[in-house]
C-alpha atoms as a PDB file:
ATOM      1  CA  UNK A   1     239.291 125.966 172.382  1.00  0.00           C
ATOM      2  CA  UNK A   2     237.331 123.586 174.598  1.00  0.00           C
ATOM      3  CA  UNK A   3     238.792 120.239 175.580  1.00  0.00           C
ATOM      4  CA  UNK A   4     236.840 116.996 175.383  1.00  0.00           C
ATOM      5  CA  UNK A   5     235.816 115.917 178.868  1.00  0.00           C
ATOM      6  CA  UNK A   6     234.910 112.230 178.697  1.00  0.00           C
ATOM      7  CA  UNK A   7     233.367 112.035 182.183  1.00  0.00           C
ATOM      8  CA  UNK A   8     229.822 113.347 182.028  1.00  0.00           C
ATOM      9  CA  UNK A   9     229.029 115.966 184.666  1.00  0.00           C
ATOM     10  CA  UNK A  10     231.402 114.879 187.454  1.00  0.00           C
ATOM     11  CA  UNK A  11     229.735 114.879 190.883  1.00  0.00           C
ATOM     12  CA  UNK A  12     232.488 113.714 193.202  1.00  0.00           C
ATOM     13  CA  UNK A  13     231.105 115.022 196.463  1.00  0.00           C
ATOM     14  CA  UNK A  14     227.570 114.078 195.480  1.00  0.00           C
ATOM     15  CA  UNK A  15     227.759 110.513 194.279  1.00  0.00           C
ATOM     16  CA  UNK A  16     230.638 108.407 195.474  1.00  0.00           C
ATOM     17  CA  UNK A  17     231.840 106.502 198.502  1.00  0.00           C
ATOM     18  CA  UNK A  18     235.104 106.162 196.605  1.00  0.00           C
ATOM     19  CA  UNK A  19     236.893 109.372 197.503  1.00  0.00           C
ATOM     20  CA  UNK A  20     239.213 109.221 194.498  1.00  0.00           C
ATOM     21  CA  UNK A  21     237.718 109.202 191.026  1.00  0.00           C
ATOM     22  CA  UNK A  22     239.137 109.430 187.550  1.00  0.00           C
ATOM     23  CA  UNK A  23     238.717 112.157 184.955  1.00  0.00           C
ATOM     24  CA  UNK A  24     239.752 111.542 181.332  1.00  0.00           C
ATOM     25  CA  UNK A  25     240.538 114.656 179.306  1.00  0.00           C
ATOM     26  CA  UNK A  26     241.840 114.950 175.748  1.00  0.00           C
ATOM     27  CA  UNK A  27     243.285 118.340 174.815  1.00  0.00           C
ATOM     28  CA  UNK A  28     241.726 119.818 171.679  1.00  0.00           C
ATOM     29  CA  UNK A  29     243.607 121.210 168.720  1.00  0.00           C
ATOM     30  CA  UNK A  30     244.547 124.880 169.041  1.00  0.00           C
ATOM     31  CA  UNK A  31     245.082 124.791 172.808  1.00  0.00           C
ATOM     32  CA  UNK A  32     247.739 127.306 173.851  1.00  0.00           C
ATOM     33  CA  UNK A  33     250.484 126.072 176.230  1.00  0.00           C
ATOM     34  CA  UNK A  34     249.198 126.412 179.789  1.00  0.00           C
ATOM     35  CA  UNK A  35     250.297 125.059 183.153  1.00  0.00           C
ATOM     36  CA  UNK A  36     248.347 121.885 183.800  1.00  0.00           C
ATOM     37  CA  UNK A  37     247.264 122.917 187.300  1.00  0.00           C
ATOM     38  CA  UNK A  38     245.673 126.099 185.919  1.00  0.00           C
ATOM     39  CA  UNK A  39     244.171 124.212 182.993  1.00  0.00           C
ATOM     40  CA  UNK A  40     242.538 121.534 185.146  1.00  0.00           C
ATOM     41  CA  UNK A  41     241.253 124.030 187.717  1.00  0.00           C
ATOM     42  CA  UNK A  42     239.131 125.566 184.946  1.00  0.00           C
ATOM     43  CA  UNK A  43     238.012 122.222 183.549  1.00  0.00           C
ATOM     44  CA  UNK A  44     237.038 120.088 186.547  1.00  0.00           C
ATOM     45  CA  UNK A  45     234.072 121.074 188.685  1.00  0.00           C
ATOM     46  CA  UNK A  46     235.047 121.540 192.325  1.00  0.00           C
ATOM     47  CA  UNK A  47     238.782 121.356 191.652  1.00  0.00           C
ATOM     48  CA  UNK A  48     241.225 123.674 193.403  1.00  0.00           C
ATOM     49  CA  UNK A  49     244.861 124.274 192.488  1.00  0.00           C
ATOM     50  CA  UNK A  50     245.886 123.037 195.914  1.00  0.00           C
ATOM     51  CA  UNK A  51     244.117 119.692 195.484  1.00  0.00           C
ATOM     52  CA  UNK A  52     245.400 119.304 191.941  1.00  0.00           C
ATOM     53  CA  UNK A  53     248.976 120.122 192.917  1.00  0.00           C
ATOM     54  CA  UNK A  54     248.670 117.654 195.768  1.00  0.00           C
ATOM     55  CA  UNK A  55     247.459 114.980 193.353  1.00  0.00           C
ATOM     56  CA  UNK A  56     250.308 115.703 190.941  1.00  0.00           C
ATOM     57  CA  UNK A  57     252.931 115.536 193.662  1.00  0.00           C
ATOM     58  CA  UNK A  58     251.529 112.105 194.547  1.00  0.00           C
ATOM     59  CA  UNK A  59     251.799 110.963 190.917  1.00  0.00           C
ATOM     60  CA  UNK A  60     248.017 110.825 190.445  1.00  0.00           C
ATOM     61  CA  UNK A  61     247.881 113.008 187.320  1.00  0.00           C
ATOM     62  CA  UNK A  62     249.121 111.324 184.147  1.00  0.00           C
ATOM     63  CA  UNK A  63     249.741 112.868 180.730  1.00  0.00           C
ATOM     64  CA  UNK A  64     250.107 110.319 177.956  1.00  0.00           C
ATOM     65  CA  UNK A  65     250.634 107.683 180.636  1.00  0.00           C
ATOM     66  CA  UNK A  66     253.399 109.553 182.505  1.00  0.00           C
ATOM     67  CA  UNK A  67     253.065 111.323 185.871  1.00  0.00           C
ATOM     68  CA  UNK A  68     253.603 115.089 185.607  1.00  0.00           C
ATOM     69  CA  UNK A  69     254.249 117.989 187.982  1.00  0.00           C
ATOM     70  CA  UNK A  70     252.130 121.170 188.282  1.00  0.00           C
ATOM     71  CA  UNK A  71     254.428 123.184 185.974  1.00  0.00           C
ATOM     72  CA  UNK A  72     253.871 120.855 183.014  1.00  0.00           C
ATOM     73  CA  UNK A  73     252.313 122.764 180.097  1.00  0.00           C
ATOM     74  CA  UNK A  74     249.509 121.083 178.245  1.00  0.00           C
ATOM     75  CA  UNK A  75     249.550 120.882 174.444  1.00  0.00           C
ATOM     76  CA  UNK A  76     247.131 119.730 171.739  1.00  0.00           C
ATOM     77  CA  UNK A  77     246.271 116.000 171.709  1.00  0.00           C
ATOM     78  CA  UNK A  78     247.595 115.391 175.226  1.00  0.00           C
ATOM     79  CA  UNK A  79     245.659 112.634 176.958  1.00  0.00           C
ATOM     80  CA  UNK A  80     245.221 113.436 180.655  1.00  0.00           C
ATOM     81  CA  UNK A  81     244.065 111.098 183.421  1.00  0.00           C
ATOM     82  CA  UNK A  82     243.382 112.578 186.865  1.00  0.00           C
ATOM     83  CA  UNK A  83     242.914 110.426 189.954  1.00  0.00           C
ATOM     84  CA  UNK A  84     241.950 112.824 192.688  1.00  0.00           C
ATOM     85  CA  UNK A  85     239.527 113.776 195.420  1.00  0.00           C
ATOM     86  CA  UNK A  86     237.785 116.969 194.340  1.00  0.00           C
ATOM     87  CA  UNK A  87     235.327 117.146 197.202  1.00  0.00           C
ATOM     88  CA  UNK A  88     235.500 120.387 199.171  1.00  0.00           C
ATOM     89  CA  UNK A  89     237.706 120.586 202.243  1.00  0.00           C
ATOM     90  CA  UNK A  90     235.254 120.571 205.139  1.00  0.00           C
ATOM     91  CA  UNK A  91     237.528 120.787 208.150  1.00  0.00           C
ATOM     92  CA  UNK A  92     241.011 120.011 209.392  1.00  0.00           C
ATOM     93  CA  UNK A  93     241.534 116.610 210.959  1.00  0.00           C
ATOM     94  CA  UNK A  94     242.463 116.966 214.633  1.00  0.00           C
ATOM     95  CA  UNK A  95     244.274 113.877 215.979  1.00  0.00           C
ATOM     96  CA  UNK A  96     242.407 112.117 218.797  1.00  0.00           C
ATOM     97  CA  UNK A  97     243.413 109.074 220.778  1.00  0.00           C
ATOM     98  CA  UNK A  98     240.733 106.398 220.564  1.00  0.00           C
ATOM     99  CA  UNK A  99     240.197 102.666 220.359  1.00  0.00           C
ATOM    100  CA  UNK A 100     240.433 101.409 216.776  1.00  0.00           C
ATOM    101  CA  UNK A 101     239.462  97.933 215.614  1.00  0.00           C
ATOM    102  CA  UNK A 102     242.482  97.240 213.394  1.00  0.00           C
ATOM    103  CA  UNK A 103     241.986  93.974 211.514  1.00  0.00           C
ATOM    104  CA  UNK A 104     245.309  94.071 209.643  1.00  0.00           C
ATOM    105  CA  UNK A 105     248.309  96.368 209.284  1.00  0.00           C
ATOM    106  CA  UNK A 106     251.604  96.417 207.415  1.00  0.00           C
ATOM    107  CA  UNK A 107     253.950  99.117 206.137  1.00  0.00           C
ATOM    108  CA  UNK A 108     251.615 100.025 203.260  1.00  0.00           C
ATOM    109  CA  UNK A 109     248.035  99.805 204.494  1.00  0.00           C
ATOM    110  CA  UNK A 110     245.594  99.189 207.323  1.00  0.00           C
ATOM    111  CA  UNK A 111     242.221  97.437 207.480  1.00  0.00           C
ATOM    112  CA  UNK A 112     239.611  98.632 209.978  1.00  0.00           C
ATOM    113  CA  UNK A 113     236.327  97.144 211.137  1.00  0.00           C
ATOM    114  CA  UNK A 114     234.241 100.274 211.743  1.00  0.00           C
ATOM    115  CA  UNK A 115     231.432 100.066 214.289  1.00  0.00           C
ATOM    116  CA  UNK A 116     227.983 101.424 213.496  1.00  0.00           C
ATOM    117  CA  UNK A 117     227.544 104.979 214.768  1.00  0.00           C
ATOM    118  CA  UNK A 118     231.064 106.165 213.945  1.00  0.00           C
ATOM    119  CA  UNK A 119     231.460 108.830 211.248  1.00  0.00           C
ATOM    120  CA  UNK A 120     234.357 108.116 208.890  1.00  0.00           C
ATOM    121  CA  UNK A 121     235.761 111.636 208.481  1.00  0.00           C
ATOM    122  CA  UNK A 122     235.117 115.097 209.964  1.00  0.00           C
ATOM    123  CA  UNK A 123     232.459 117.296 208.409  1.00  0.00           C
ATOM    124  CA  UNK A 124     229.615 119.596 209.270  1.00  0.00           C
ATOM    125  CA  UNK A 125     228.399 118.719 212.753  1.00  0.00           C
ATOM    126  CA  UNK A 126     231.020 115.994 213.205  1.00  0.00           C
ATOM    127  CA  UNK A 127     234.343 117.636 213.947  1.00  0.00           C
ATOM    128  CA  UNK A 128     235.632 115.056 216.411  1.00  0.00           C
ATOM    129  CA  UNK A 129     235.238 111.414 217.303  1.00  0.00           C
ATOM    130  CA  UNK A 130     235.474 110.290 213.676  1.00  0.00           C
ATOM    131  CA  UNK A 131     237.493 107.351 212.420  1.00  0.00           C
ATOM    132  CA  UNK A 132     239.884 109.745 210.673  1.00  0.00           C
ATOM    133  CA  UNK A 133     240.520 111.631 213.922  1.00  0.00           C
ATOM    134  CA  UNK A 134     241.626 108.361 215.483  1.00  0.00           C
ATOM    135  CA  UNK A 135     243.647 107.297 212.449  1.00  0.00           C
ATOM    136  CA  UNK A 136     245.536 110.590 212.319  1.00  0.00           C
ATOM    137  CA  UNK A 137     246.551 110.212 215.968  1.00  0.00           C
ATOM    138  CA  UNK A 138     247.590 106.599 215.435  1.00  0.00           C
ATOM    139  CA  UNK A 139     249.699 107.353 212.344  1.00  0.00           C
ATOM    140  CA  UNK A 140     251.346 110.402 213.900  1.00  0.00           C
ATOM    141  CA  UNK A 141     252.462 108.258 216.816  1.00  0.00           C
ATOM    142  CA  UNK A 142     254.315 106.144 214.273  1.00  0.00           C
ATOM    143  CA  UNK A 143     255.568 109.054 212.182  1.00  0.00           C
ATOM    144  CA  UNK A 144     255.221 112.603 213.644  1.00  0.00           C
ATOM    145  CA  UNK A 145     255.952 114.188 210.257  1.00  0.00           C
ATOM    146  CA  UNK A 146     252.879 112.728 208.567  1.00  0.00           C
ATOM    147  CA  UNK A 147     250.106 115.200 207.749  1.00  0.00           C
ATOM    148  CA  UNK A 148     247.230 115.700 205.330  1.00  0.00           C
ATOM    149  CA  UNK A 149     249.640 117.484 203.001  1.00  0.00           C
ATOM    150  CA  UNK A 150     251.897 114.432 202.950  1.00  0.00           C
ATOM    151  CA  UNK A 151     249.030 111.917 202.781  1.00  0.00           C
ATOM    152  CA  UNK A 152     245.620 113.461 201.936  1.00  0.00           C
ATOM    153  CA  UNK A 153     242.870 112.349 204.339  1.00  0.00           C
ATOM    154  CA  UNK A 154     245.600 110.256 205.945  1.00  0.00           C
ATOM    155  CA  UNK A 155     245.269 107.699 203.158  1.00  0.00           C
ATOM    156  CA  UNK A 156     241.507 107.166 203.211  1.00  0.00           C
ATOM    157  CA  UNK A 157     240.341 106.122 199.723  1.00  0.00           C
ATOM    158  CA  UNK A 158     236.730 105.120 200.436  1.00  0.00           C
ATOM    159  CA  UNK A 159     234.105 105.401 203.159  1.00  0.00           C
ATOM    160  CA  UNK A 160     230.947 103.814 204.493  1.00  0.00           C
ATOM    161  CA  UNK A 161     227.948 105.465 206.124  1.00  0.00           C
ATOM    162  CA  UNK A 162     227.941 106.440 209.794  1.00  0.00           C
ATOM    163  CA  UNK A 163     225.372 103.784 210.698  1.00  0.00           C
ATOM    164  CA  UNK A 164     226.826 101.069 208.488  1.00  0.00           C
ATOM    165  CA  UNK A 165     229.346  98.766 210.111  1.00  0.00           C
ATOM    166  CA  UNK A 166     232.228  96.923 208.476  1.00  0.00           C
ATOM    167  CA  UNK A 167     235.525  96.963 206.639  1.00  0.00           C
ATOM    168  CA  UNK A 168     237.544  99.901 205.362  1.00  0.00           C
ATOM    169  CA  UNK A 169     241.044  99.999 203.864  1.00  0.00           C
ATOM    170  CA  UNK A 170     243.449 102.898 204.410  1.00  0.00           C
ATOM    171  CA  UNK A 171     246.751 103.547 202.612  1.00  0.00           C
ATOM    172  CA  UNK A 172     249.829 104.478 204.650  1.00  0.00           C
ATOM    173  CA  UNK A 173     251.938 105.668 201.695  1.00  0.00           C
ATOM    174  CA  UNK A 174     251.311 107.730 198.584  1.00  0.00           C
ATOM    175  CA  UNK A 175     252.140 104.727 196.373  1.00  0.00           C
ATOM    176  CA  UNK A 176     249.618 102.549 198.185  1.00  0.00           C
ATOM    177  CA  UNK A 177     246.995 105.280 197.986  1.00  0.00           C
ATOM    178  CA  UNK A 178     247.557 105.698 194.262  1.00  0.00           C
ATOM    179  CA  UNK A 179     247.310 101.955 193.610  1.00  0.00           C
ATOM    180  CA  UNK A 180     244.246 101.422 195.803  1.00  0.00           C
ATOM    181  CA  UNK A 181     242.438 104.433 194.318  1.00  0.00           C
ATOM    182  CA  UNK A 182     242.987 102.951 190.848  1.00  0.00           C
ATOM    183  CA  UNK A 183     241.625  99.563 191.933  1.00  0.00           C
ATOM    184  CA  UNK A 184     238.485 101.178 193.333  1.00  0.00           C
ATOM    185  CA  UNK A 185     237.952 103.151 190.152  1.00  0.00           C
ATOM    186  CA  UNK A 186     238.547 100.110 187.937  1.00  0.00           C
ATOM    187  CA  UNK A 187     235.977  98.177 190.021  1.00  0.00           C
ATOM    188  CA  UNK A 188     238.463  95.391 190.796  1.00  0.00           C
ATOM    189  CA  UNK A 189     238.027  95.745 194.579  1.00  0.00           C
ATOM    190  CA  UNK A 190     235.731  92.961 195.821  1.00  0.00           C
ATOM    191  CA  UNK A 191     233.149  94.152 198.335  1.00  0.00           C
ATOM    192  CA  UNK A 192     230.289  92.173 199.793  1.00  0.00           C
ATOM    193  CA  UNK A 193     227.682  93.599 202.137  1.00  0.00           C
ATOM    194  CA  UNK A 194     225.025  91.800 204.163  1.00  0.00           C
ATOM    195  CA  UNK A 195     221.685  93.553 204.582  1.00  0.00           C
ATOM    196  CA  UNK A 196     218.322  92.801 206.151  1.00  0.00           C
ATOM    197  CA  UNK A 197     215.604  94.236 203.898  1.00  0.00           C
ATOM    198  CA  UNK A 198     211.852  94.528 204.124  1.00  0.00           C
ATOM    199  CA  UNK A 199     209.708  92.098 202.140  1.00  0.00           C
ATOM    200  CA  UNK A 200     210.029  88.630 200.659  1.00  0.00           C
ATOM    201  CA  UNK A 201     212.141  89.202 197.562  1.00  0.00           C
ATOM    202  CA  UNK A 202     210.662  87.662 194.435  1.00  0.00           C
ATOM    203  CA  UNK A 203     213.930  86.385 192.950  1.00  0.00           C
ATOM    204  CA  UNK A 204     216.781  84.511 194.625  1.00  0.00           C
ATOM    205  CA  UNK A 205     219.303  86.767 192.892  1.00  0.00           C
ATOM    206  CA  UNK A 206     219.444  89.725 190.561  1.00  0.00           C
ATOM    207  CA  UNK A 207     221.148  92.923 189.478  1.00  0.00           C
ATOM    208  CA  UNK A 208     219.915  96.448 190.113  1.00  0.00           C
ATOM    209  CA  UNK A 209     221.001  99.042 187.545  1.00  0.00           C
ATOM    210  CA  UNK A 210     219.878 102.607 188.234  1.00  0.00           C
ATOM    211  CA  UNK A 211     221.734 105.886 188.462  1.00  0.00           C
ATOM    212  CA  UNK A 212     222.205 107.279 191.967  1.00  0.00           C
ATOM    213  CA  UNK A 213     222.346 111.004 192.651  1.00  0.00           C
ATOM    214  CA  UNK A 214     221.244 113.580 195.162  1.00  0.00           C
ATOM    215  CA  UNK A 215     217.532 114.094 195.613  1.00  0.00           C
ATOM    216  CA  UNK A 216     216.502 117.148 193.616  1.00  0.00           C
ATOM    217  CA  UNK A 217     214.748 118.741 196.615  1.00  0.00           C
ATOM    218  CA  UNK A 218     216.232 117.156 199.751  1.00  0.00           C
ATOM    219  CA  UNK A 219     220.004 117.381 199.413  1.00  0.00           C
ATOM    220  CA  UNK A 220     220.799 114.998 202.265  1.00  0.00           C
ATOM    221  CA  UNK A 221     218.946 112.209 200.495  1.00  0.00           C
ATOM    222  CA  UNK A 222     219.917 110.265 197.399  1.00  0.00           C
ATOM    223  CA  UNK A 223     217.582 108.848 194.803  1.00  0.00           C
ATOM    224  CA  UNK A 224     217.593 106.254 192.038  1.00  0.00           C
ATOM    225  CA  UNK A 225     217.026 107.729 188.569  1.00  0.00           C
ATOM    226  CA  UNK A 226     216.456 106.256 185.123  1.00  0.00           C
ATOM    227  CA  UNK A 227     219.771 105.698 183.406  1.00  0.00           C
ATOM    228  CA  UNK A 228     221.232 108.884 181.975  1.00  0.00           C
ATOM    229  CA  UNK A 229     218.705 111.111 183.709  1.00  0.00           C
ATOM    230  CA  UNK A 230     220.590 112.280 186.817  1.00  0.00           C
ATOM    231  CA  UNK A 231     223.418 111.180 189.071  1.00  0.00           C
ATOM    232  CA  UNK A 232     225.947 108.511 188.168  1.00  0.00           C
ATOM    233  CA  UNK A 233     225.673 104.938 187.001  1.00  0.00           C
ATOM    234  CA  UNK A 234     225.327 102.430 189.837  1.00  0.00           C
ATOM    235  CA  UNK A 235     225.200  98.629 189.764  1.00  0.00           C
ATOM    236  CA  UNK A 236     224.364  96.347 192.690  1.00  0.00           C
ATOM    237  CA  UNK A 237     224.240  92.542 192.489  1.00  0.00           C
ATOM    238  CA  UNK A 238     222.210  90.786 195.174  1.00  0.00           C
ATOM    239  CA  UNK A 239     221.601  87.217 196.342  1.00  0.00           C
ATOM    240  CA  UNK A 240     219.088  85.994 198.914  1.00  0.00           C
ATOM    241  CA  UNK A 241     220.764  84.332 201.900  1.00  0.00           C
ATOM    242  CA  UNK A 242     217.703  83.580 204.020  1.00  0.00           C
ATOM    243  CA  UNK A 243     213.993  84.368 203.984  1.00  0.00           C
ATOM    244  CA  UNK A 244     211.981  85.287 207.085  1.00  0.00           C
ATOM    245  CA  UNK A 245     208.580  86.011 205.535  1.00  0.00           C
ATOM    246  CA  UNK A 246     208.266  89.739 206.095  1.00  0.00           C
ATOM    247  CA  UNK A 247     212.003  90.458 205.787  1.00  0.00           C
ATOM    248  CA  UNK A 248     214.856  88.935 203.777  1.00  0.00           C
ATOM    249  CA  UNK A 249     218.561  88.576 204.480  1.00  0.00           C
ATOM    250  CA  UNK A 250     220.540  89.402 201.348  1.00  0.00           C
ATOM    251  CA  UNK A 251     224.133  89.627 200.191  1.00  0.00           C
ATOM    252  CA  UNK A 252     224.982  92.656 198.038  1.00  0.00           C
ATOM    253  CA  UNK A 253     228.039  92.943 195.810  1.00  0.00           C
ATOM    254  CA  UNK A 254     228.937  96.435 194.640  1.00  0.00           C
ATOM    255  CA  UNK A 255     230.144  96.986 191.116  1.00  0.00           C
ATOM    256  CA  UNK A 256     230.175 100.748 191.719  1.00  0.00           C
ATOM    257  CA  UNK A 257     230.479 102.689 194.954  1.00  0.00           C
ATOM    258  CA  UNK A 258     227.947 105.502 195.097  1.00  0.00           C
ATOM    259  CA  UNK A 259     226.885 107.167 198.315  1.00  0.00           C
ATOM    260  CA  UNK A 260     223.982 105.232 199.935  1.00  0.00           C
ATOM    261  CA  UNK A 261     223.982 102.927 196.882  1.00  0.00           C
ATOM    262  CA  UNK A 262     222.627  99.760 198.505  1.00  0.00           C
ATOM    263  CA  UNK A 263     220.125 101.714 200.585  1.00  0.00           C
ATOM    264  CA  UNK A 264     218.851 103.640 197.549  1.00  0.00           C
ATOM    265  CA  UNK A 265     218.790 100.627 195.235  1.00  0.00           C
ATOM    266  CA  UNK A 266     216.883  98.473 197.709  1.00  0.00           C
ATOM    267  CA  UNK A 267     214.308 101.198 198.224  1.00  0.00           C
ATOM    268  CA  UNK A 268     214.096 101.547 194.432  1.00  0.00           C
ATOM    269  CA  UNK A 269     213.031  97.908 194.026  1.00  0.00           C
ATOM    270  CA  UNK A 270     210.590  98.111 196.932  1.00  0.00           C
ATOM    271  CA  UNK A 271     212.731  96.516 199.653  1.00  0.00           C
ATOM    272  CA  UNK A 272     214.142  99.280 201.902  1.00  0.00           C
ATOM    273  CA  UNK A 273     216.697  98.277 204.519  1.00  0.00           C
ATOM    274  CA  UNK A 274     215.312  97.316 207.899  1.00  0.00           C
ATOM    275  CA  UNK A 275     215.266 100.380 210.217  1.00  0.00           C
ATOM    276  CA  UNK A 276     216.711 102.725 207.589  1.00  0.00           C
ATOM    277  CA  UNK A 277     215.286 106.037 208.764  1.00  0.00           C
ATOM    278  CA  UNK A 278     216.427 107.888 205.623  1.00  0.00           C
ATOM    279  CA  UNK A 279     214.706 105.617 203.144  1.00  0.00           C
ATOM    280  CA  UNK A 280     211.506 104.467 204.822  1.00  0.00           C
ATOM    281  CA  UNK A 281     212.681 101.313 206.534  1.00  0.00           C
ATOM    282  CA  UNK A 282     212.074 102.567 210.075  1.00  0.00           C
ATOM    283  CA  UNK A 283     208.380 101.702 210.022  1.00  0.00           C
ATOM    284  CA  UNK A 284     206.412  98.556 209.263  1.00  0.00           C
ATOM    285  CA  UNK A 285     206.681  98.098 205.502  1.00  0.00           C
ATOM    286  CA  UNK A 286     205.436  94.490 205.220  1.00  0.00           C
ATOM    287  CA  UNK A 287     202.979  92.615 207.409  1.00  0.00           C
ATOM    288  CA  UNK A 288     199.611  93.390 208.928  1.00  0.00           C
ATOM    289  CA  UNK A 289     199.798  96.027 211.634  1.00  0.00           C
ATOM    290  CA  UNK A 290     198.326  94.481 214.763  1.00  0.00           C
ATOM    291  CA  UNK A 291     199.434  94.969 218.361  1.00  0.00           C
ATOM    292  CA  UNK A 292     201.644  91.896 218.864  1.00  0.00           C
ATOM    293  CA  UNK A 293     203.343  92.196 215.464  1.00  0.00           C
ATOM    294  CA  UNK A 294     203.928  95.914 215.911  1.00  0.00           C
ATOM    295  CA  UNK A 295     205.433  95.282 219.337  1.00  0.00           C
ATOM    296  CA  UNK A 296     207.686  92.596 217.854  1.00  0.00           C
ATOM    297  CA  UNK A 297     208.931  94.966 215.116  1.00  0.00           C
ATOM    298  CA  UNK A 298     209.458  97.798 217.618  1.00  0.00           C
ATOM    299  CA  UNK A 299     211.528  95.426 219.748  1.00  0.00           C
ATOM    300  CA  UNK A 300     213.607  94.584 216.667  1.00  0.00           C
ATOM    301  CA  UNK A 301     214.130  98.299 216.025  1.00  0.00           C
ATOM    302  CA  UNK A 302     215.391  98.655 219.596  1.00  0.00           C
ATOM    303  CA  UNK A 303     217.888  95.828 219.096  1.00  0.00           C
ATOM    304  CA  UNK A 304     219.224  97.161 215.787  1.00  0.00           C
ATOM    305  CA  UNK A 305     218.879 100.930 216.078  1.00  0.00           C
ATOM    306  CA  UNK A 306     220.258 101.676 212.602  1.00  0.00           C
ATOM    307  CA  UNK A 307     219.966 100.416 209.043  1.00  0.00           C
ATOM    308  CA  UNK A 308     220.799  96.701 209.063  1.00  0.00           C
ATOM    309  CA  UNK A 309     223.794  96.888 206.728  1.00  0.00           C
ATOM    310  CA  UNK A 310     227.311  95.502 207.224  1.00  0.00           C
ATOM    311  CA  UNK A 311     230.362  95.721 204.924  1.00  0.00           C
ATOM    312  CA  UNK A 312     231.374  92.107 205.456  1.00  0.00           C
ATOM    313  CA  UNK A 313     234.177  91.373 203.008  1.00  0.00           C
ATOM    314  CA  UNK A 314     236.904  93.339 201.260  1.00  0.00           C
ATOM    315  CA  UNK A 315     239.323  91.998 198.662  1.00  0.00           C
ATOM    316  CA  UNK A 316     242.023  93.709 196.595  1.00  0.00           C
ATOM    317  CA  UNK A 317     245.557  93.343 195.248  1.00  0.00           C
ATOM    318  CA  UNK A 318     248.271  94.462 197.670  1.00  0.00           C
ATOM    319  CA  UNK A 319     249.788  97.659 196.200  1.00  0.00           C
ATOM    320  CA  UNK A 320     253.395  96.558 196.866  1.00  0.00           C
ATOM    321  CA  UNK A 321     253.531  92.766 196.945  1.00  0.00           C
ATOM    322  CA  UNK A 322     250.885  92.073 194.295  1.00  0.00           C
ATOM    323  CA  UNK A 323     249.360  89.492 196.644  1.00  0.00           C
ATOM    324  CA  UNK A 324     245.604  88.936 196.678  1.00  0.00           C
ATOM    325  CA  UNK A 325     244.274  90.178 200.014  1.00  0.00           C
ATOM    326  CA  UNK A 326     240.884  89.173 201.417  1.00  0.00           C
ATOM    327  CA  UNK A 327     239.223  90.104 204.713  1.00  0.00           C
ATOM    328  CA  UNK A 328     235.953  89.026 206.309  1.00  0.00           C
ATOM    329  CA  UNK A 329     234.315  90.767 209.285  1.00  0.00           C
ATOM    330  CA  UNK A 330     231.620  88.817 211.156  1.00  0.00           C
ATOM    331  CA  UNK A 331     228.217  90.381 211.591  1.00  0.00           C
ATOM    332  CA  UNK A 332     228.050  92.715 214.614  1.00  0.00           C
ATOM    333  CA  UNK A 333     225.996  91.722 217.620  1.00  0.00           C
ATOM    334  CA  UNK A 334     223.013  93.972 216.894  1.00  0.00           C
ATOM    335  CA  UNK A 335     222.499  92.465 213.442  1.00  0.00           C
ATOM    336  CA  UNK A 336     223.077  88.914 214.686  1.00  0.00           C
ATOM    337  CA  UNK A 337     220.446  89.400 217.380  1.00  0.00           C
ATOM    338  CA  UNK A 338     217.803  90.940 215.132  1.00  0.00           C
ATOM    339  CA  UNK A 339     218.344  88.274 212.453  1.00  0.00           C
ATOM    340  CA  UNK A 340     217.914  85.516 215.042  1.00  0.00           C
ATOM    341  CA  UNK A 341     214.772  87.209 216.351  1.00  0.00           C
ATOM    342  CA  UNK A 342     213.274  87.277 212.840  1.00  0.00           C
ATOM    343  CA  UNK A 343     214.374  83.684 212.255  1.00  0.00           C
ATOM    344  CA  UNK A 344     212.447  82.530 215.304  1.00  0.00           C
ATOM    345  CA  UNK A 345     209.432  84.661 214.388  1.00  0.00           C
ATOM    346  CA  UNK A 346     209.392  83.239 210.852  1.00  0.00           C
ATOM    347  CA  UNK A 347     209.334  79.697 212.248  1.00  0.00           C
ATOM    348  CA  UNK A 348     206.178  80.514 214.243  1.00  0.00           C
ATOM    349  CA  UNK A 349     204.294  81.787 211.193  1.00  0.00           C
ATOM    350  CA  UNK A 350     205.556  79.086 208.886  1.00  0.00           C
ATOM    351  CA  UNK A 351     207.061  81.689 206.527  1.00  0.00           C
ATOM    352  CA  UNK A 352     203.544  82.623 205.422  1.00  0.00           C
ATOM    353  CA  UNK A 353     202.435  86.202 204.948  1.00  0.00           C
END
């Protein structure tokens, strides 16, 4: 008998910056007793017994509200919740000593301010120099016994793009990882981004609702799709902070955390991020193309050589103390400089297009 899988077409590796997602499964009548690790391997796309067993040992698989071990045998009407990372293992994390911008640290977690240009975790073409390489070295200096088996991905529960700067939280214990993963899934983590986008946005604030999933032809790109068509639901709230005529400084609050979500959503509404080479922001999108203006924009591209996006704030409940935690990372120098350059330019044209 088939079980009832409440999550529609899970796409963990394709559609989420939140590395841990939740699957809800209700066991159908007539199901024969079967080890839960075997059962889930056949029911969740991309799952492996190793990852599932790892999740169970960390208490991230619940049956009827209670954590279970891999030898638990499922039975009819069981309600299963799985919090786990089902993305494929790309490469082992090799510890590397490097400078890390640690904003906060205690026994349970760490907060990092990631610079633009740094990849978060190893993958194809990026086997070293990633944030996770540095984190693994740092944690193993504190506790030589720690490994990816003990703490998967060394506690990383979310990520931001290589060329996006800003705040990331990392768990240092399995309990903290479990609690933080749940907060991300339940959308209770408060995240605000600041972005410079092309165009003078029509409204001072708004909400973008459009599914985000991989482009059907170009797998490295993501695309916004009509709701229910492809990908996963994605919601971005935005507010205009400052207008510069041809570009606008906006604040974005994520309700969901899909890969490239802000970049895709802003392109979807006709305002790609400034200098976003994936989504059309690395050319003049607004403004008449004449020599002096083109030179000005090219100079701006040279100052901020990546998409102008910064993960500025991060708020959550501390997994052990229950205290409300809130962190704010100032804009990096490249974004500060390009914003000031546009501010001065806007004053010379009187904010008129």
